[in-house]
PDB file of N, CA and C in Angstrom:
ATOM      1  N   MET A   1     -73.422   6.998  19.046  1.00  0.00           N
ATOM      2  CA  MET A   1     -72.487   6.009  19.424  1.00  0.00           C
ATOM      3  C   MET A   1     -73.287   4.786  19.513  1.00  0.00           C
ATOM      4  N   THR A   2     -74.316   4.702  20.189  1.00  0.00           N
ATOM      5  CA  THR A   2     -75.204   3.557  20.488  1.00  0.00           C
ATOM      6  C   THR A   2     -75.944   3.109  19.164  1.00  0.00           C
ATOM      7  N   ASP A   3     -76.222   4.103  18.393  1.00  0.00           N
ATOM      8  CA  ASP A   3     -76.686   3.619  17.183  1.00  0.00           C
ATOM      9  C   ASP A   3     -75.706   2.818  16.226  1.00  0.00           C
ATOM     10  N   THR A   4     -74.672   3.101  16.334  1.00  0.00           N
ATOM     11  CA  THR A   4     -73.504   2.366  15.571  1.00  0.00           C
ATOM     12  C   THR A   4     -73.413   0.914  16.172  1.00  0.00           C
ATOM     13  N   LEU A   5     -73.524   0.868  17.574  1.00  0.00           N
ATOM     14  CA  LEU A   5     -73.522  -0.444  18.222  1.00  0.00           C
ATOM     15  C   LEU A   5     -74.641  -1.182  17.947  1.00  0.00           C
ATOM     16  N   LEU A   6     -75.747  -0.612  17.926  1.00  0.00           N
ATOM     17  CA  LEU A   6     -76.957  -1.406  17.644  1.00  0.00           C
ATOM     18  C   LEU A   6     -76.896  -1.882  16.108  1.00  0.00           C
ATOM     19  N   PHE A   7     -76.342  -1.088  15.159  1.00  0.00           N
ATOM     20  CA  PHE A   7     -76.342  -1.683  13.834  1.00  0.00           C
ATOM     21  C   PHE A   7     -75.275  -2.717  13.749  1.00  0.00           C
ATOM     22  N   LEU A   8     -74.133  -2.735  14.472  1.00  0.00           N
ATOM     23  CA  LEU A   8     -73.199  -3.797  14.437  1.00  0.00           C
ATOM     24  C   LEU A   8     -73.770  -5.173  15.031  1.00  0.00           C
ATOM     25  N   ASN A   9     -74.639  -4.828  15.957  1.00  0.00           N
ATOM     26  CA  ASN A   9     -75.260  -6.030  16.592  1.00  0.00           C
ATOM     27  C   ASN A   9     -76.362  -6.838  15.630  1.00  0.00           C
ATOM     28  N   GLN A  10     -76.645  -6.173  14.604  1.00  0.00           N
ATOM     29  CA  GLN A  10     -77.741  -6.809  13.860  1.00  0.00           C
ATOM     30  C   GLN A  10     -76.862  -7.687  12.591  1.00  0.00           C
ATOM     31  N   LEU A  11     -75.520  -7.328  12.504  1.00  0.00           N
ATOM     32  CA  LEU A  11     -74.750  -8.046  11.603  1.00  0.00           C
ATOM     33  C   LEU A  11     -74.586  -9.535  12.027  1.00  0.00           C
ATOM     34  N   GLY A  12     -74.859 -10.372  10.963  1.00  0.00           N
ATOM     35  CA  GLY A  12     -74.460 -11.864  11.195  1.00  0.00           C
ATOM     36  C   GLY A  12     -73.043 -12.256  10.662  1.00  0.00           C
ATOM     37  N   GLY A  13     -72.815 -13.482  10.924  1.00  0.00           N
ATOM     38  CA  GLY A  13     -71.456 -13.932  10.314  1.00  0.00           C
ATOM     39  C   GLY A  13     -71.303 -13.857   8.935  1.00  0.00           C
ATOM     40  N   THR A  14     -72.217 -14.036   8.106  1.00  0.00           N
ATOM     41  CA  THR A  14     -72.160 -13.914   6.664  1.00  0.00           C
ATOM     42  C   THR A  14     -71.859 -12.562   6.260  1.00  0.00           C
ATOM     43  N   GLU A  15     -72.442 -11.452   7.017  1.00  0.00           N
ATOM     44  CA  GLU A  15     -72.314 -10.159   6.498  1.00  0.00           C
ATOM     45  C   GLU A  15     -70.889  -9.612   7.016  1.00  0.00           C
ATOM     46  N   ILE A  16     -70.389 -10.139   8.123  1.00  0.00           N
ATOM     47  CA  ILE A  16     -69.060  -9.822   8.646  1.00  0.00           C
ATOM     48  C   ILE A  16     -68.113 -10.297   7.686  1.00  0.00           C
ATOM     49  N   MET A  17     -68.233 -11.586   7.234  1.00  0.00           N
ATOM     50  CA  MET A  17     -67.235 -12.155   6.354  1.00  0.00           C
ATOM     51  C   MET A  17     -67.298 -11.374   4.987  1.00  0.00           C
ATOM     52  N   LEU A  18     -68.469 -11.234   4.415  1.00  0.00           N
ATOM     53  CA  LEU A  18     -68.522 -10.293   3.183  1.00  0.00           C
ATOM     54  C   LEU A  18     -67.864  -8.860   3.498  1.00  0.00           C
ATOM     55  N   ILE A  19     -68.005  -8.383   4.379  1.00  0.00           N
ATOM     56  CA  ILE A  19     -67.232  -6.896   4.673  1.00  0.00           C
ATOM     57  C   ILE A  19     -65.773  -7.188   4.708  1.00  0.00           C
ATOM     58  N   PHE A  20     -65.405  -8.303   5.279  1.00  0.00           N
ATOM     59  CA  PHE A  20     -63.953  -8.548   5.461  1.00  0.00           C
ATOM     60  C   PHE A  20     -63.312  -8.865   4.001  1.00  0.00           C
ATOM     61  N   PHE A  21     -63.978  -9.680   3.298  1.00  0.00           N
ATOM     62  CA  PHE A  21     -63.593  -9.931   1.953  1.00  0.00           C
ATOM     63  C   PHE A  21     -63.439  -8.690   1.073  1.00  0.00           C
ATOM     64  N   VAL A  22     -64.418  -7.801   1.158  1.00  0.00           N
ATOM     65  CA  VAL A  22     -64.383  -6.640   0.383  1.00  0.00           C
ATOM     66  C   VAL A  22     -63.301  -5.859   0.804  1.00  0.00           C
ATOM     67  N   VAL A  23     -63.012  -5.613   1.997  1.00  0.00           N
ATOM     68  CA  VAL A  23     -61.781  -4.861   2.599  1.00  0.00           C
ATOM     69  C   VAL A  23     -60.631  -5.522   1.979  1.00  0.00           C
ATOM     70  N   VAL A  24     -60.367  -6.811   2.137  1.00  0.00           N
ATOM     71  CA  VAL A  24     -59.224  -7.393   1.454  1.00  0.00           C
ATOM     72  C   VAL A  24     -58.968  -7.124   0.052  1.00  0.00           C
ATOM     73  N   LEU A  25     -60.188  -7.256  -0.712  1.00  0.00           N
ATOM     74  CA  LEU A  25     -59.976  -7.032  -2.106  1.00  0.00           C
ATOM     75  C   LEU A  25     -59.682  -5.454  -2.453  1.00  0.00           C
ATOM     76  N   LEU A  26     -60.319  -4.640  -1.579  1.00  0.00           N
ATOM     77  CA  LEU A  26     -59.901  -3.182  -1.855  1.00  0.00           C
ATOM     78  C   LEU A  26     -58.514  -2.769  -1.492  1.00  0.00           C
ATOM     79  N   PHE A  27     -58.082  -3.252  -0.316  1.00  0.00           N
ATOM     80  CA  PHE A  27     -56.895  -2.791   0.164  1.00  0.00           C
ATOM     81  C   PHE A  27     -55.760  -3.873   0.072  1.00  0.00           C
ATOM     82  N   GLY A  28     -56.004  -4.984  -0.225  1.00  0.00           N
ATOM     83  CA  GLY A  28     -54.890  -6.016  -0.312  1.00  0.00           C
ATOM     84  C   GLY A  28     -54.510  -6.526   1.069  1.00  0.00           C
ATOM     85  N   GLY A  29     -53.937  -7.690   0.965  1.00  0.00           N
ATOM     86  CA  GLY A  29     -53.598  -8.236   2.393  1.00  0.00           C
ATOM     87  C   GLY A  29     -52.467  -7.712   3.035  1.00  0.00           C
ATOM     88  N   LYS A  30     -51.524  -6.950   2.331  1.00  0.00           N
ATOM     89  CA  LYS A  30     -50.506  -6.395   3.005  1.00  0.00           C
ATOM     90  C   LYS A  30     -50.856  -5.012   3.733  1.00  0.00           C
ATOM     91  N   LYS A  31     -51.807  -4.461   3.185  1.00  0.00           N
ATOM     92  CA  LYS A  31     -52.214  -3.007   3.665  1.00  0.00           C
ATOM     93  C   LYS A  31     -53.093  -3.222   5.093  1.00  0.00           C
ATOM     94  N   ILE A  32     -53.738  -4.249   5.273  1.00  0.00           N
ATOM     95  CA  ILE A  32     -54.721  -4.461   6.275  1.00  0.00           C
ATOM     96  C   ILE A  32     -54.039  -4.256   7.663  1.00  0.00           C
ATOM     97  N   PRO A  33     -52.925  -4.919   7.898  1.00  0.00           N
ATOM     98  CA  PRO A  33     -52.248  -4.695   9.360  1.00  0.00           C
ATOM     99  C   PRO A  33     -51.962  -3.232   9.469  1.00  0.00           C
ATOM    100  N   GLU A  34     -51.538  -2.536   8.357  1.00  0.00           N
ATOM    101  CA  GLU A  34     -51.142  -1.200   8.545  1.00  0.00           C
ATOM    102  C   GLU A  34     -52.329  -0.292   8.789  1.00  0.00           C
ATOM    103  N   LEU A  35     -53.524  -0.690   8.160  1.00  0.00           N
ATOM    104  CA  LEU A  35     -54.782   0.045   8.402  1.00  0.00           C
ATOM    105  C   LEU A  35     -55.102  -0.137   9.844  1.00  0.00           C
ATOM    106  N   MET A  36     -55.039  -1.346  10.419  1.00  0.00           N
ATOM    107  CA  MET A  36     -55.413  -1.681  11.716  1.00  0.00           C
ATOM    108  C   MET A  36     -54.663  -1.015  12.778  1.00  0.00           C
ATOM    109  N   ARG A  37     -53.289  -0.889  12.384  1.00  0.00           N
ATOM    110  CA  ARG A  37     -52.409  -0.240  13.321  1.00  0.00           C
ATOM    111  C   ARG A  37     -52.941   1.395  13.416  1.00  0.00           C
ATOM    112  N   GLY A  38     -53.063   1.843  12.390  1.00  0.00           N
ATOM    113  CA  GLY A  38     -53.531   3.278  12.284  1.00  0.00           C
ATOM    114  C   GLY A  38     -54.873   3.493  12.991  1.00  0.00           C
ATOM    115  N   LEU A  39     -55.914   2.516  12.893  1.00  0.00           N
ATOM    116  CA  LEU A  39     -57.029   2.595  13.491  1.00  0.00           C
ATOM    117  C   LEU A  39     -56.980   2.481  15.093  1.00  0.00           C
ATOM    118  N   GLY A  40     -56.091   1.564  15.440  1.00  0.00           N
ATOM    119  CA  GLY A  40     -55.716   1.476  16.798  1.00  0.00           C
ATOM    120  C   GLY A  40     -55.154   2.631  17.514  1.00  0.00           C
ATOM    121  N   ARG A  41     -54.195   3.157  16.669  1.00  0.00           N
ATOM    122  CA  ARG A  41     -53.621   4.510  17.245  1.00  0.00           C
ATOM    123  C   ARG A  41     -54.538   5.528  17.395  1.00  0.00           C
ATOM    124  N   GLY A  42     -55.555   5.636  16.416  1.00  0.00           N
ATOM    125  CA  GLY A  42     -56.667   6.804  16.503  1.00  0.00           C
ATOM    126  C   GLY A  42     -57.435   6.522  17.540  1.00  0.00           C
ATOM    127  N   ILE A  43     -58.007   5.240  17.858  1.00  0.00           N
ATOM    128  CA  ILE A  43     -58.824   4.999  19.075  1.00  0.00           C
ATOM    129  C   ILE A  43     -58.151   5.246  20.314  1.00  0.00           C
ATOM    130  N   ARG A  44     -56.884   4.851  20.343  1.00  0.00           N
ATOM    131  CA  ARG A  44     -56.079   5.305  21.557  1.00  0.00           C
ATOM    132  C   ARG A  44     -55.942   6.812  21.770  1.00  0.00           C
ATOM    133  N   GLU A  45     -55.713   7.414  20.804  1.00  0.00           N
ATOM    134  CA  GLU A  45     -55.628   8.898  21.029  1.00  0.00           C
ATOM    135  C   GLU A  45     -57.122   9.451  21.462  1.00  0.00           C
ATOM    136  N   PHE A  46     -58.059   9.067  20.802  1.00  0.00           N
ATOM    137  CA  PHE A  46     -59.351   9.511  21.146  1.00  0.00           C
ATOM    138  C   PHE A  46     -59.596   9.182  22.595  1.00  0.00           C
ATOM    139  N   ASN A  47     -59.382   7.956  23.014  1.00  0.00           N
ATOM    140  CA  ASN A  47     -59.743   7.520  24.592  1.00  0.00           C
ATOM    141  C   ASN A  47     -58.811   8.404  25.425  1.00  0.00           C
ATOM    142  N   ASN A  48     -57.598   8.779  25.060  1.00  0.00           N
ATOM    143  CA  ASN A  48     -56.613   9.482  25.913  1.00  0.00           C
ATOM    144  C   ASN A  48     -57.199  11.019  25.865  1.00  0.00           C
ATOM    145  N   ALA A  49     -57.587  11.461  24.900  1.00  0.00           N
ATOM    146  CA  ALA A  49     -58.195  12.936  25.026  1.00  0.00           C
ATOM    147  C   ALA A  49     -59.516  12.912  25.676  1.00  0.00           C
ATOM    148  N   LYS A  50     -60.462  11.901  25.596  1.00  0.00           N
ATOM    149  CA  LYS A  50     -61.598  11.764  26.292  1.00  0.00           C
ATOM    150  C   LYS A  50     -61.350  11.730  27.824  1.00  0.00           C
ATOM    151  N   ASN A  51     -60.356  10.821  28.193  1.00  0.00           N
ATOM    152  CA  ASN A  51     -59.963  10.690  29.612  1.00  0.00           C
ATOM    153  C   ASN A  51     -59.579  11.948  30.157  1.00  0.00           C
ATOM    154  N   SER A  52     -58.670  12.680  29.416  1.00  0.00           N
ATOM    155  CA  SER A  52     -58.118  13.933  29.751  1.00  0.00           C
ATOM    156  C   SER A  52     -59.224  14.890  30.239  1.00  0.00           C
ATOM    157  N   VAL A  53     -60.206  15.098  29.237  1.00  0.00           N
ATOM    158  CA  VAL A  53     -61.278  16.121  29.431  1.00  0.00           C
ATOM    159  C   VAL A  53     -62.083  15.595  30.701  1.00  0.00           C
ATOM    160  N   GLU A  54     -62.381  14.364  30.859  1.00  0.00           N
ATOM    161  CA  GLU A  54     -63.139  13.816  31.948  1.00  0.00           C
ATOM    162  C   GLU A  54     -62.393  14.091  33.291  1.00  0.00           C
ATOM    163  N   ASP A  55     -61.173  14.010  33.279  1.00  0.00           N
ATOM    164  CA  ASP A  55     -60.378  14.276  34.545  1.00  0.00           C
ATOM    165  C   ASP A  55     -60.301  15.786  34.872  1.00  0.00           C
ATOM    166  N   GLU A  56     -60.194  16.497  33.856  1.00  0.00           N
ATOM    167  CA  GLU A  56     -60.245  18.160  34.045  1.00  0.00           C
ATOM    168  C   GLU A  56     -61.602  18.319  34.537  1.00  0.00           C
ATOM    169  N   PHE A  57     -62.688  17.859  34.060  1.00  0.00           N
ATOM    170  CA  PHE A  57     -64.092  18.187  34.449  1.00  0.00           C
ATOM    171  C   PHE A  57     -64.238  17.684  35.848  1.00  0.00           C
ATOM    172  N   ARG A  58     -63.742  16.543  36.303  1.00  0.00           N
ATOM    173  CA  ARG A  58     -63.931  16.047  37.677  1.00  0.00           C
ATOM    174  C   ARG A  58     -63.167  17.069  38.601  1.00  0.00           C
ATOM    175  N   GLN A  59     -61.778  17.358  38.103  1.00  0.00           N
ATOM    176  CA  GLN A  59     -61.060  18.285  38.986  1.00  0.00           C
ATOM    177  C   GLN A  59     -61.822  19.598  39.141  1.00  0.00           C
ATOM    178  N   GLY A  60     -62.445  20.076  38.122  1.00  0.00           N
ATOM    179  CA  GLY A  60     -63.053  21.397  38.198  1.00  0.00           C
ATOM    180  C   GLY A  60     -64.221  21.250  39.273  1.00  0.00           C
ATOM    181  N   LEU A  61     -65.027  20.117  39.225  1.00  0.00           N
ATOM    182  CA  LEU A  61     -66.082  19.898  40.117  1.00  0.00           C
ATOM    183  C   LEU A  61     -65.572  19.792  41.646  1.00  0.00           C
ATOM    184  N   ARG A  62     -64.443  19.069  41.804  1.00  0.00           N
ATOM    185  CA  ARG A  62     -63.843  19.024  43.247  1.00  0.00           C
ATOM    186  C   ARG A  62     -63.454  20.376  43.644  1.00  0.00           C
ATOM    187  N   ASP A  63     -62.809  21.110  42.737  1.00  0.00           N
ATOM    188  CA  ASP A  63     -62.391  22.525  43.078  1.00  0.00           C
ATOM    189  C   ASP A  63     -63.610  23.434  43.567  1.00  0.00           C
ATOM    190  N   ALA A  64     -64.676  23.300  42.771  1.00  0.00           N
ATOM    191  CA  ALA A  64     -65.920  24.174  42.984  1.00  0.00           C
ATOM    192  C   ALA A  64     -66.565  23.675  44.387  1.00  0.00           C
ATOM    193  N   GLU A  65     -66.539  22.465  44.655  1.00  0.00           N
ATOM    194  CA  GLU A  65     -67.111  21.876  45.944  1.00  0.00           C
ATOM    195  C   GLU A  65     -66.201  22.335  47.039  1.00  0.00           C
ATOM    196  N   LYS A  66     -65.002  22.229  46.854  1.00  0.00           N
ATOM    197  CA  LYS A  66     -64.059  22.628  47.856  1.00  0.00           C
ATOM    198  C   LYS A  66     -64.184  24.191  48.207  1.00  0.00           C
ATOM    199  N   LYS A  67     -64.279  25.025  47.186  1.00  0.00           N
ATOM    200  CA  LYS A  67     -64.446  26.480  47.301  1.00  0.00           C
ATOM    201  C   LYS A  67     -65.824  26.807  47.933  1.00  0.00           C
ATOM    202  N   LYS A  68     -66.840  25.876  47.569  1.00  0.00           N
ATOM    203  CA  LYS A  68     -68.168  26.185  48.224  1.00  0.00           C
ATOM    204  C   LYS A  68     -68.068  25.842  49.672  1.00  0.00           C
ATOM    205  N   LEU A  69     -67.498  24.780  50.024  1.00  0.00           N
ATOM    206  CA  LEU A  69     -67.315  24.455  51.535  1.00  0.00           C
ATOM    207  C   LEU A  69     -66.352  25.553  52.197  1.00  0.00           C
ATOM    208  N   ASP A  70     -65.514  26.106  51.732  1.00  0.00           N
ATOM    209  CA  ASP A  70     -64.635  27.056  52.254  1.00  0.00           C
ATOM    210  C   ASP A  70     -65.347  28.430  52.648  1.00  0.00           C
ATOM    211  N   ASP A  71     -66.326  28.754  51.644  1.00  0.00           N
ATOM    212  CA  ASP A  71     -67.101  29.937  51.918  1.00  0.00           C
ATOM    213  C   ASP A  71     -68.062  29.944  52.865  1.00  0.00           C
TER     214      ASP A  71
END
C-alpha cells in the first residue's frame, strides 16, 4: 500500500492530467461518474470489512485479557 502511495506522490500535474485525458478517451465522459461511483462503493465495502475484522480482533484481545485476569 505504501509503495502505491509513494508512486502517486511522484506524479506531477502534467502526468495526472494525461492520465485523466486517457481515461476520458477510453471510457467517455458519461461513463466516468458511473466508474467513480463503483470505485467509491468498492472502497467503502473494503473499509467496512477491514473495520469489522479489526473490531473482532480487538474484542478477542479483550476477551483473552479478561479470561487471563479471571484465572
